[in-house]
């Protein structure tokens, strides 16, 4: 308290000068409409700038909540679309008896741990058994695929990343009936390799690679990547490299895919093994 008093005494002339300046400025603004309008305009600009900064900060901290809400809404829309397609396909199936349909259900999850620079990479999500997550479910994004559920606890699950030497995913060429396998050579997290594509596939640089129809893990036709380079030898392609559409180094919310017909299909196919 004594220090404050000493400060006021020591700077009394300066403080008095500032006080008189403020009073003089106040009377000038009040008595002249031009100065008054300029002052109001300036103050509005300053206050508006403060409000803008405050709003930007508030929006930044609310992004996580908004992203979660958007992911949930997208999941609901996917499920609605899947049910709609299921109804349409069921009607067609009854008429033609030739169309086989797989029904999918989607669950939103958030990536809480992600590795992409190792030879064998895994991810962790914040959903588990009690949320309907089980082993061997596909994990996707709106613009690509992420991997396959590997291990599950009550509240969490790990994903075998497509950036893993044990990852082998059935893929095909968009608007083409030929299929092959998506694998990873352990080099760049931005690229992957294609295996087992025959000469008749007529691949070319720039072709879009999508999930194939032979997998029970992923819906058919999800974009995976774009062919970057390839070689043709002895009627078979080799060294086919694609640029992945999924940025595996920057993952937030994902969709876990539950193929409701998966067990029935696998049980039927086991009879022929």
Protein backbone atom coordinates (compact mmCIF):
# COMPACT_ATOMS: atom_id res chain seq x y z
CA UNK A 1 0.00 0.00 0.00
CA UNK A 2 2.84 2.37 0.87
CA UNK A 3 4.45 1.64 -2.50
CA UNK A 4 1.25 2.67 -4.30
CA UNK A 5 1.10 5.93 -2.35
CA UNK A 6 4.75 6.64 -3.11
CA UNK A 7 4.13 5.96 -6.79
CA UNK A 8 1.17 8.38 -6.89
CA UNK A 9 3.18 11.12 -5.12
CA UNK A 10 6.19 10.60 -7.34
CA UNK A 11 4.14 10.79 -10.56
CA UNK A 12 1.45 13.22 -9.41
CA UNK A 13 2.19 15.81 -12.12
CA UNK A 14 2.13 13.26 -14.90
CA UNK A 15 -1.09 11.72 -13.61
CA UNK A 16 -2.69 15.16 -13.26
CA UNK A 17 -1.67 15.98 -16.83
CA UNK A 18 -3.20 12.75 -18.15
CA UNK A 19 -6.40 13.36 -16.21
CA UNK A 20 -6.73 16.87 -17.64
CA UNK A 21 -6.05 15.53 -21.15
CA UNK A 22 -8.81 12.97 -20.77
CA UNK A 23 -11.26 15.59 -19.51
CA UNK A 24 -10.34 17.94 -22.36
CA UNK A 25 -10.73 15.14 -24.90
CA UNK A 26 -14.11 14.25 -23.45
CA UNK A 27 -15.41 17.83 -23.82
CA UNK A 28 -14.07 18.08 -27.37
CA UNK A 29 -15.83 14.89 -28.40
CA UNK A 30 -19.08 15.89 -26.72
CA UNK A 31 -19.16 19.39 -28.22
CA UNK A 32 -18.24 18.49 -31.83
CA UNK A 33 -20.39 16.05 -33.77
CA UNK A 34 -17.56 15.23 -36.21
CA UNK A 35 -15.15 14.23 -33.44
CA UNK A 36 -17.93 12.34 -31.69
CA UNK A 37 -18.77 10.29 -34.78
CA UNK A 38 -15.09 9.48 -35.37
CA UNK A 39 -14.65 8.41 -31.77
CA UNK A 40 -17.71 6.16 -31.90
CA UNK A 41 -16.54 4.69 -35.20
CA UNK A 42 -13.07 4.01 -33.80
CA UNK A 43 -14.39 2.51 -30.58
CA UNK A 44 -16.77 0.28 -32.51
CA UNK A 45 -13.88 -0.89 -34.65
CA UNK A 46 -11.77 -1.68 -31.58
CA UNK A 47 -14.60 -3.44 -29.76
CA UNK A 48 -15.54 -5.29 -32.92
CA UNK A 49 -11.96 -6.48 -33.28
CA UNK A 50 -11.93 -7.68 -29.68
CA UNK A 51 -15.22 -9.53 -30.19
CA UNK A 52 -13.86 -11.12 -33.38
CA UNK A 53 -10.72 -12.35 -31.62
CA UNK A 54 -12.76 -13.64 -28.69
CA UNK A 55 -15.15 -15.42 -31.04
CA UNK A 56 -12.27 -16.98 -32.98
CA UNK A 57 -10.74 -18.30 -29.77
CA UNK A 58 -14.11 -19.67 -28.66
CA UNK A 59 -14.65 -21.31 -32.06
CA UNK A 60 -11.20 -22.88 -31.93
CA UNK A 61 -11.87 -24.58 -28.60
CA UNK A 62 -15.30 -25.74 -29.79
CA UNK A 63 -13.93 -27.38 -32.96
CA UNK A 64 -13.44 -30.75 -31.26
CA UNK A 65 -17.07 -30.83 -30.15
CA UNK A 66 -18.30 -29.71 -33.59
CA UNK A 67 -16.12 -32.31 -35.35
CA UNK A 68 -17.56 -35.01 -33.12
CA UNK A 69 -21.10 -33.85 -33.89
CA UNK A 70 -20.38 -33.82 -37.62
CA UNK A 71 -18.92 -37.31 -37.45
CA UNK A 72 -21.99 -38.59 -35.62
CA UNK A 73 -24.29 -36.92 -38.14
CA UNK A 74 -22.35 -38.44 -41.03
CA UNK A 75 -22.60 -41.85 -39.39
CA UNK A 76 -26.36 -41.49 -39.02
CA UNK A 77 -26.63 -40.47 -42.68
CA UNK A 78 -24.53 -43.47 -43.74
CA UNK A 79 -26.74 -45.81 -41.74
CA UNK A 80 -29.90 -44.25 -43.17
CA UNK A 81 -28.50 -44.61 -46.68
CA UNK A 82 -27.50 -48.23 -46.00
CA UNK A 83 -31.02 -49.04 -44.78
CA UNK A 84 -32.54 -47.29 -47.79
CA UNK A 85 -30.33 -49.23 -50.21
CA UNK A 86 -31.09 -52.42 -48.32
CA UNK A 87 -34.83 -51.87 -48.78
CA UNK A 88 -34.43 -51.10 -52.48
CA UNK A 89 -32.15 -54.11 -53.06
CA UNK A 90 -34.54 -56.37 -51.15
CA UNK A 91 -37.39 -55.37 -53.46
CA UNK A 92 -35.24 -55.93 -56.54
CA UNK A 93 -34.04 -59.25 -55.15
CA UNK A 94 -37.61 -60.47 -54.73
CA UNK A 95 -38.36 -59.57 -58.34
CA UNK A 96 -35.22 -60.88 -60.06
CA UNK A 97 -33.80 -63.31 -57.49
CA UNK A 98 -30.33 -62.47 -58.87
CA UNK A 99 -28.99 -59.66 -56.69
CA UNK A 100 -27.03 -60.43 -53.53
CA UNK A 101 -26.95 -57.64 -50.98
CA UNK A 102 -24.68 -57.04 -47.98
CA UNK A 103 -26.02 -54.72 -45.31
CA UNK A 104 -23.63 -52.47 -43.41
CA UNK A 105 -23.89 -50.56 -40.17
CA UNK A 106 -21.48 -47.75 -39.24
CA UNK A 107 -20.11 -46.73 -35.83
CA UNK A 108 -18.30 -43.45 -35.22
CA UNK A 109 -14.99 -43.62 -33.34
CA UNK A 110 -12.08 -41.29 -32.63
CA UNK A 111 -8.43 -42.12 -33.18
CA UNK A 112 -6.61 -41.65 -29.86
CA UNK A 113 -3.26 -43.12 -30.88
CA UNK A 114 -1.72 -43.44 -34.32
CA UNK A 115 1.59 -44.78 -35.61
CA UNK A 116 2.54 -44.45 -39.28
CA UNK A 117 6.36 -44.34 -39.38
CA UNK A 118 7.07 -47.93 -38.27
CA UNK A 119 7.21 -51.10 -40.37
CA UNK A 120 4.09 -52.45 -38.65
CA UNK A 121 1.71 -49.72 -37.61
CA UNK A 122 -1.35 -49.80 -35.37
CA UNK A 123 -4.00 -47.30 -34.30
CA UNK A 124 -6.25 -47.11 -31.24
CA UNK A 125 -9.86 -45.88 -31.12
CA UNK A 126 -12.06 -44.86 -28.20
CA UNK A 127 -14.77 -47.46 -28.83
CA UNK A 128 -14.90 -51.13 -27.81
CA UNK A 129 -17.13 -54.14 -27.18
CA UNK A 130 -19.81 -52.20 -25.35
CA UNK A 131 -20.15 -49.90 -28.37
CA UNK A 132 -20.61 -52.79 -30.81
CA UNK A 133 -17.00 -53.03 -31.99
CA UNK A 134 -15.64 -56.51 -32.76
CA UNK A 135 -12.52 -58.04 -34.29
CA UNK A 136 -12.23 -58.01 -38.10
CA UNK A 137 -14.37 -54.95 -38.79
CA UNK A 138 -13.23 -52.56 -41.49
CA UNK A 139 -12.35 -48.96 -40.62
CA UNK A 140 -12.88 -46.23 -43.20
CA UNK A 141 -12.98 -42.49 -43.83
CA UNK A 142 -15.22 -40.62 -46.26
CA UNK A 143 -12.29 -40.50 -48.71
CA UNK A 144 -10.43 -43.75 -48.03
CA UNK A 145 -9.72 -46.72 -45.81
CA UNK A 146 -7.71 -46.97 -42.59
CA UNK A 147 -7.42 -50.64 -41.67
CA UNK A 148 -9.08 -53.53 -39.85
CA UNK A 149 -10.01 -53.95 -36.18
CA UNK A 150 -7.42 -56.22 -34.55
CA UNK A 151 -8.04 -56.44 -30.77
CA UNK A 152 -10.94 -55.20 -28.68
CA UNK A 153 -11.55 -54.42 -25.00
CA UNK A 154 -14.71 -53.08 -23.39
CA UNK A 155 -13.97 -49.43 -24.19
CA UNK A 156 -11.17 -49.44 -26.77
CA UNK A 157 -9.95 -51.23 -29.88
CA UNK A 158 -6.74 -51.42 -31.88
CA UNK A 159 -6.65 -51.24 -35.67
CA UNK A 160 -4.26 -53.12 -37.94
CA UNK A 161 -3.26 -50.17 -40.11
CA UNK A 162 -3.08 -50.59 -43.87
CA UNK A 163 0.53 -49.45 -43.24
CA UNK A 164 1.42 -52.90 -41.90
CA UNK A 165 3.14 -55.87 -43.55
CA UNK A 166 0.30 -58.12 -42.37
CA UNK A 167 -2.36 -55.97 -44.02
CA UNK A 168 -3.81 -57.47 -47.21
CA UNK A 169 -6.99 -55.82 -48.50
CA UNK A 170 -9.02 -56.76 -51.55
CA UNK A 171 -9.21 -53.88 -54.03
CA UNK A 172 -10.24 -53.30 -57.61
CA UNK A 173 -10.13 -50.71 -60.36
CA UNK A 174 -12.99 -48.24 -60.57
CA UNK A 175 -15.39 -49.17 -63.40
CA UNK A 176 -13.49 -52.43 -63.92
CA UNK A 177 -14.23 -56.00 -62.76
CA UNK A 178 -10.60 -57.00 -62.13
CA UNK A 179 -9.39 -57.38 -58.55
CA UNK A 180 -6.09 -57.54 -56.72
CA UNK A 181 -4.53 -56.99 -53.29
CA UNK A 182 -3.50 -53.81 -51.51
CA UNK A 183 -0.25 -54.19 -49.53
CA UNK A 184 2.47 -51.92 -48.09
CA UNK A 185 6.24 -52.16 -48.61
CA UNK A 186 7.11 -50.24 -45.43
CA UNK A 187 8.50 -47.14 -47.13
CA UNK A 188 6.24 -44.10 -47.54
CA UNK A 189 3.05 -43.64 -45.50
CA UNK A 190 1.62 -41.76 -48.47
CA UNK A 191 1.84 -44.73 -50.83
CA UNK A 192 0.91 -48.41 -51.04
CA UNK A 193 1.38 -51.25 -53.52
CA UNK A 194 -0.94 -53.43 -55.61
CA UNK A 195 -0.40 -57.17 -56.08
CA UNK A 196 -1.90 -59.94 -58.24
CA UNK A 197 -3.42 -57.81 -60.99
CA UNK A 198 -3.49 -59.69 -64.35
CA UNK A 199 -2.52 -58.19 -67.72
CA UNK A 200 -6.18 -58.05 -68.76
CA UNK A 201 -6.87 -55.49 -66.06
CA UNK A 202 -5.44 -52.91 -68.48
CA UNK A 203 -4.16 -50.67 -65.69
CA UNK A 204 -2.80 -47.23 -66.40
CA UNK A 205 -1.35 -44.35 -64.43
CA UNK A 206 -4.14 -42.18 -63.03
CA UNK A 207 -6.64 -45.02 -62.55
CA UNK A 208 -8.65 -44.89 -59.31
CA UNK A 209 -8.34 -47.90 -57.00
CA UNK A 210 -11.38 -48.77 -54.85
CA UNK A 211 -12.35 -51.46 -52.35
CA UNK A 212 -13.26 -54.69 -54.11
CA UNK A 213 -16.44 -56.71 -54.02
CA UNK A 214 -14.74 -59.86 -52.70
CA UNK A 215 -14.20 -58.51 -49.19
CA UNK A 216 -16.70 -58.88 -46.35
CA UNK A 217 -14.92 -56.14 -44.39
CA UNK A 218 -15.52 -53.10 -46.59
CA UNK A 219 -18.40 -51.91 -48.74
CA UNK A 220 -17.55 -52.09 -52.42
CA UNK A 221 -16.38 -48.97 -54.23
CA UNK A 222 -14.74 -46.92 -51.47
CA UNK A 223 -11.88 -44.88 -53.02
CA UNK A 224 -8.43 -46.06 -51.89
CA UNK A 225 -5.86 -44.34 -54.08
CA UNK A 226 -4.61 -43.33 -57.53
CA UNK A 227 -2.09 -45.36 -59.56
CA UNK A 228 1.22 -43.49 -59.57
CA UNK A 229 3.53 -45.91 -61.38
CA UNK A 230 3.61 -49.50 -62.73
CA UNK A 231 5.61 -52.02 -64.78
CA UNK A 232 4.38 -54.86 -66.99
CA UNK A 233 6.36 -58.11 -67.27
CA UNK A 234 5.35 -61.59 -68.52
CA UNK A 235 1.69 -60.62 -68.78
CA UNK A 236 1.61 -59.57 -65.12
CA UNK A 237 1.93 -56.19 -63.52
CA UNK A 238 4.62 -55.58 -60.94
CA UNK A 239 5.82 -52.63 -58.88
CA UNK A 240 2.40 -51.00 -58.98
CA UNK A 241 2.44 -48.01 -56.64
CA UNK A 242 -0.59 -45.95 -55.72
CA UNK A 243 -0.90 -42.64 -53.93
CA UNK A 244 -3.22 -43.16 -50.97
CA UNK A 245 -6.21 -40.87 -50.64
CA UNK A 246 -6.09 -41.22 -46.85
CA UNK A 247 -3.57 -39.05 -45.00
CA UNK A 248 -2.47 -41.68 -42.49
CA UNK A 249 -0.46 -39.08 -40.54
CA UNK A 250 -3.52 -36.95 -39.79
CA UNK A 251 -6.52 -38.96 -38.61
CA UNK A 252 -9.36 -37.82 -36.35
CA UNK A 253 -12.78 -39.45 -36.51
CA UNK A 254 -13.31 -42.69 -38.42
CA UNK A 255 -16.17 -45.04 -39.25
CA UNK A 256 -16.09 -48.68 -38.16
CA UNK A 257 -17.97 -50.87 -40.62
CA UNK A 258 -20.11 -53.77 -39.43
CA UNK A 259 -21.14 -56.13 -42.21
CA UNK A 260 -24.28 -57.68 -40.74
CA UNK A 261 -24.07 -60.60 -43.20
CA UNK A 262 -20.39 -61.34 -42.48
CA UNK A 263 -20.82 -64.37 -40.20
CA UNK A 264 -23.38 -65.98 -42.48
CA UNK A 265 -21.10 -65.58 -45.50
CA UNK A 266 -18.02 -66.91 -43.66
CA UNK A 267 -19.92 -69.93 -42.27
CA UNK A 268 -21.18 -70.77 -45.75
CA UNK A 269 -17.74 -70.44 -47.34
CA UNK A 270 -16.09 -72.61 -44.63
CA UNK A 271 -18.07 -75.59 -45.94
CA UNK A 272 -16.01 -75.45 -49.14
CA UNK A 273 -12.57 -75.19 -47.52
